[in-house]
Amino acid sequence: MTPSAAIRSAAGRRGLADAISSAAERLSTRVHADGDARARDLGWEITRTPGWAGLAGRTYRDPRFDTRTAADTRTVTPEARRAA
């Protein structure tokens, strides 16, 4: 195989891989459309996650759970644990 033929072959494989990846992305977007719309309506955060076979997943999170009091965020040291 000549170098130029090898380059054309590699480019063809990349093109095929890109086409498959693009199709998987479109399918994933379509599958998660209802959940994404509901999460947006509720003001939730949507995080795209990698999935099996190139299909992306989603995680949804309610940002109201970010509010904490100072007591919730303090850390307990081993010394304090022993003293208690």
C-alpha atoms as a PDB file:
ATOM      1  CA  MET A   1       0.000   0.000   0.000  1.00  0.00           C
ATOM      2  CA  THR A   2       1.380   3.385  -0.935  1.00  0.00           C
ATOM      3  CA  PRO A   3       1.583   6.142   1.670  1.00  0.00           C
ATOM      4  CA  SER A   4      -1.147   8.170  -0.050  1.00  0.00           C
ATOM      5  CA  ALA A   5      -3.465   5.129  -0.141  1.00  0.00           C
ATOM      6  CA  ALA A   6      -2.852   4.566   3.566  1.00  0.00           C
ATOM      7  CA  ILE A   7      -3.733   8.196   4.283  1.00  0.00           C
ATOM      8  CA  ARG A   8      -6.954   7.927   2.251  1.00  0.00           C
ATOM      9  CA  SER A   9      -7.875   4.712   4.058  1.00  0.00           C
ATOM     10  CA  ALA A  10      -7.262   6.269   7.489  1.00  0.00           C
ATOM     11  CA  ALA A  11      -9.296   9.327   6.513  1.00  0.00           C
ATOM     12  CA  GLY A  12     -12.143   7.071   5.431  1.00  0.00           C
ATOM     13  CA  ARG A  13     -12.096   5.262   8.775  1.00  0.00           C
ATOM     14  CA  ARG A  14     -12.092   8.577  10.630  1.00  0.00           C
ATOM     15  CA  GLY A  15     -15.020   9.708   8.509  1.00  0.00           C
ATOM     16  CA  LEU A  16     -16.925   6.529   9.325  1.00  0.00           C
ATOM     17  CA  ALA A  17     -16.098   6.846  13.017  1.00  0.00           C
ATOM     18  CA  ASP A  18     -17.254  10.470  12.985  1.00  0.00           C
ATOM     19  CA  ALA A  19     -20.495   9.491  11.261  1.00  0.00           C
ATOM     20  CA  ILE A  20     -21.184   6.755  13.821  1.00  0.00           C
ATOM     21  CA  SER A  21     -20.330   9.082  16.705  1.00  0.00           C
ATOM     22  CA  SER A  22     -22.604  11.770  15.302  1.00  0.00           C
ATOM     23  CA  ALA A  23     -25.481   9.298  14.885  1.00  0.00           C
ATOM     24  CA  ALA A  24     -25.020   8.073  18.472  1.00  0.00           C
ATOM     25  CA  GLU A  25     -25.060  11.678  19.715  1.00  0.00           C
ATOM     26  CA  ARG A  26     -28.286  12.440  17.836  1.00  0.00           C
ATOM     27  CA  LEU A  27     -29.910   9.270  19.198  1.00  0.00           C
ATOM     28  CA  SER A  28     -28.832  10.097  22.745  1.00  0.00           C
ATOM     29  CA  THR A  29     -30.196  13.633  22.455  1.00  0.00           C
ATOM     30  CA  ARG A  30     -33.484  12.287  21.149  1.00  0.00           C
ATOM     31  CA  VAL A  31     -33.808   9.663  23.896  1.00  0.00           C
ATOM     32  CA  HIS A  32     -33.139  12.197  26.673  1.00  0.00           C
ATOM     33  CA  ALA A  33     -35.200  15.052  25.200  1.00  0.00           C
ATOM     34  CA  ASP A  34     -38.199  14.657  27.539  1.00  0.00           C
ATOM     35  CA  GLY A  35     -36.066  14.341  30.671  1.00  0.00           C
ATOM     36  CA  ASP A  36     -33.937  17.309  29.652  1.00  0.00           C
ATOM     37  CA  ALA A  37     -37.029  19.443  29.022  1.00  0.00           C
ATOM     38  CA  ARG A  38     -38.511  18.550  32.406  1.00  0.00           C
ATOM     39  CA  ALA A  39     -35.206  19.239  34.176  1.00  0.00           C
ATOM     40  CA  ARG A  40     -34.921  22.636  32.467  1.00  0.00           C
ATOM     41  CA  ASP A  41     -38.502  23.480  33.497  1.00  0.00           C
ATOM     42  CA  LEU A  42     -37.652  22.626  37.117  1.00  0.00           C
ATOM     43  CA  GLY A  43     -34.412  24.639  36.993  1.00  0.00           C
ATOM     44  CA  TRP A  44     -32.235  21.569  37.500  1.00  0.00           C
ATOM     45  CA  GLU A  45     -28.648  21.187  36.334  1.00  0.00           C
ATOM     46  CA  ILE A  46     -28.128  18.751  33.453  1.00  0.00           C
ATOM     47  CA  THR A  47     -24.779  17.013  33.165  1.00  0.00           C
ATOM     48  CA  ARG A  48     -23.930  14.883  30.169  1.00  0.00           C
ATOM     49  CA  THR A  49     -22.059  11.712  31.026  1.00  0.00           C
ATOM     50  CA  PRO A  50     -20.204   9.272  28.791  1.00  0.00           C
ATOM     51  CA  GLY A  51     -22.081   6.101  28.184  1.00  0.00           C
ATOM     52  CA  TRP A  52     -21.767   2.679  26.689  1.00  0.00           C
ATOM     53  CA  ALA A  53     -21.095   2.427  22.929  1.00  0.00           C
ATOM     54  CA  GLY A  54     -20.847   6.173  22.523  1.00  0.00           C
ATOM     55  CA  LEU A  55     -24.356   6.888  23.780  1.00  0.00           C
ATOM     56  CA  ALA A  56     -24.255   9.742  26.269  1.00  0.00           C
ATOM     57  CA  GLY A  57     -26.141   9.592  29.538  1.00  0.00           C
ATOM     58  CA  ARG A  58     -27.514  12.350  31.702  1.00  0.00           C
ATOM     59  CA  THR A  59     -27.558  13.189  35.368  1.00  0.00           C
ATOM     60  CA  TYR A  60     -30.021  15.686  36.748  1.00  0.00           C
ATOM     61  CA  ARG A  61     -29.460  17.672  39.923  1.00  0.00           C
ATOM     62  CA  ASP A  62     -31.617  20.080  41.855  1.00  0.00           C
ATOM     63  CA  PRO A  63     -29.401  23.082  42.767  1.00  0.00           C
ATOM     64  CA  ARG A  64     -31.444  23.725  45.930  1.00  0.00           C
ATOM     65  CA  PHE A  65     -29.409  20.961  47.533  1.00  0.00           C
ATOM     66  CA  ASP A  66     -26.341  23.233  47.280  1.00  0.00           C
ATOM     67  CA  THR A  67     -27.494  25.394  50.164  1.00  0.00           C
ATOM     68  CA  ARG A  68     -25.818  24.353  53.378  1.00  0.00           C
ATOM     69  CA  THR A  69     -25.327  25.931  56.742  1.00  0.00           C
ATOM     70  CA  ALA A  70     -21.889  26.530  58.202  1.00  0.00           C
ATOM     71  CA  ALA A  71     -22.439  23.617  60.610  1.00  0.00           C
ATOM     72  CA  ASP A  72     -22.977  21.239  57.708  1.00  0.00           C
ATOM     73  CA  THR A  73     -19.691  22.153  56.059  1.00  0.00           C
ATOM     74  CA  ARG A  74     -17.350  21.906  59.047  1.00  0.00           C
ATOM     75  CA  THR A  75     -15.055  18.920  59.210  1.00  0.00           C
ATOM     76  CA  VAL A  76     -14.523  16.809  62.260  1.00  0.00           C
ATOM     77  CA  THR A  77     -10.886  16.048  63.049  1.00  0.00           C
ATOM     78  CA  PRO A  78      -9.837  12.705  64.529  1.00  0.00           C
ATOM     79  CA  GLU A  79      -8.826  14.513  67.754  1.00  0.00           C
ATOM     80  CA  ALA A  80     -12.292  16.012  68.122  1.00  0.00           C
ATOM     81  CA  ARG A  81     -13.833  12.625  67.470  1.00  0.00           C
ATOM     82  CA  ARG A  82     -11.731  11.047  70.260  1.00  0.00           C
ATOM     83  CA  ALA A  83     -12.597  13.865  72.680  1.00  0.00           C
ATOM     84  CA  ALA A  84     -16.325  13.391  72.130  1.00  0.00           C
END
